Amino acid sequence: MKNVSVDRIGIKDEWIEEAICSPLYVEMQSDGRIRKWVKVEEKYLRVILLEDGETVHNAFFDRNFKE
């Protein structure tokens, strides 16, 4: 996993890795970036990867995601 410097206070690297490897849901953006979600501690974590599928662009808890 390649990381871009992003403010991820409270988000563990293993959660990001789980989202990348075993996502609950995946969505492609029109710009080629990849959105992946995983459920962590009763919240949903969204990880956005660059087009290469490895570089983390952003990671944050997504309050609006619904299963």
Protein backbone atom coordinates (compact mmCIF):
# COMPACT_ATOMS: atom_id res chain seq x y z
CA MET A 1 0.00 0.00 0.00
CA LYS A 2 1.42 3.36 -1.04
CA ASN A 3 0.31 6.30 1.08
CA VAL A 4 -0.12 9.95 0.18
CA SER A 5 0.16 12.36 3.10
CA VAL A 6 -3.44 12.69 4.25
CA ASP A 7 -4.88 13.70 7.61
CA ARG A 8 -6.22 10.41 8.98
CA ILE A 9 -6.45 11.03 12.70
CA GLY A 10 -8.06 8.02 14.36
CA ILE A 11 -7.93 5.81 11.27
CA LYS A 12 -5.70 2.76 11.61
CA ASP A 13 -3.55 1.52 8.73
CA GLU A 14 -5.02 -1.98 9.10
CA TRP A 15 -8.52 -0.58 8.49
CA ILE A 16 -7.29 1.05 5.28
CA GLU A 17 -5.65 -2.23 4.26
CA GLU A 18 -8.91 -4.09 4.96
CA ALA A 19 -10.85 -1.64 2.78
CA ILE A 20 -8.37 -2.15 -0.05
CA CYS A 21 -8.21 -5.96 0.17
CA SER A 22 -11.73 -6.90 1.35
CA PRO A 23 -14.11 -4.02 0.66
CA LEU A 24 -17.80 -4.14 1.46
CA TYR A 25 -18.54 -2.04 -1.64
CA VAL A 26 -16.48 -0.64 -4.55
CA GLU A 27 -17.29 2.24 -6.88
CA MET A 28 -15.31 3.75 -9.76
CA GLN A 29 -15.27 7.53 -10.06
CA SER A 30 -15.45 9.23 -13.45
CA ASP A 31 -11.86 10.49 -12.97
CA GLY A 32 -10.54 6.90 -12.61
CA ARG A 33 -10.16 6.94 -8.84
CA ILE A 34 -11.56 4.00 -6.89
CA ARG A 35 -13.78 4.30 -3.83
CA LYS A 36 -13.84 1.39 -1.37
CA TRP A 37 -15.84 1.05 1.83
CA VAL A 38 -15.43 -1.17 4.87
CA LYS A 39 -17.36 -1.31 8.15
CA VAL A 40 -15.21 -0.48 11.17
CA GLU A 41 -16.49 -0.19 14.72
CA GLU A 42 -20.10 0.43 13.62
CA LYS A 43 -18.96 3.13 11.15
CA TYR A 44 -18.16 3.03 7.45
CA LEU A 45 -14.67 3.93 6.31
CA ARG A 46 -14.28 5.19 2.73
CA VAL A 47 -10.86 4.84 1.15
CA ILE A 48 -10.19 6.54 -2.16
CA LEU A 49 -7.38 5.12 -4.28
CA LEU A 50 -5.71 6.72 -7.26
CA GLU A 51 -6.03 5.17 -10.69
CA ASP A 52 -3.14 2.76 -9.99
CA GLY A 53 -5.35 0.98 -7.42
CA GLU A 54 -2.59 1.14 -4.78
CA THR A 55 -1.97 4.75 -3.81
CA VAL A 56 -4.28 6.01 -1.06
CA HIS A 57 -5.59 9.45 -1.95
CA ASN A 58 -7.87 9.88 1.05
CA ALA A 59 -9.53 7.95 3.87
CA PHE A 60 -12.37 9.11 6.09
CA PHE A 61 -15.46 7.92 7.91
CA ASP A 62 -18.46 8.27 5.61
CA ARG A 63 -21.57 9.17 7.61
CA ASN A 64 -23.79 9.05 4.51
CA PHE A 65 -22.97 5.51 3.31
CA LYS A 66 -25.90 3.06 3.45
CA GLU A 67 -25.65 -0.69 2.89
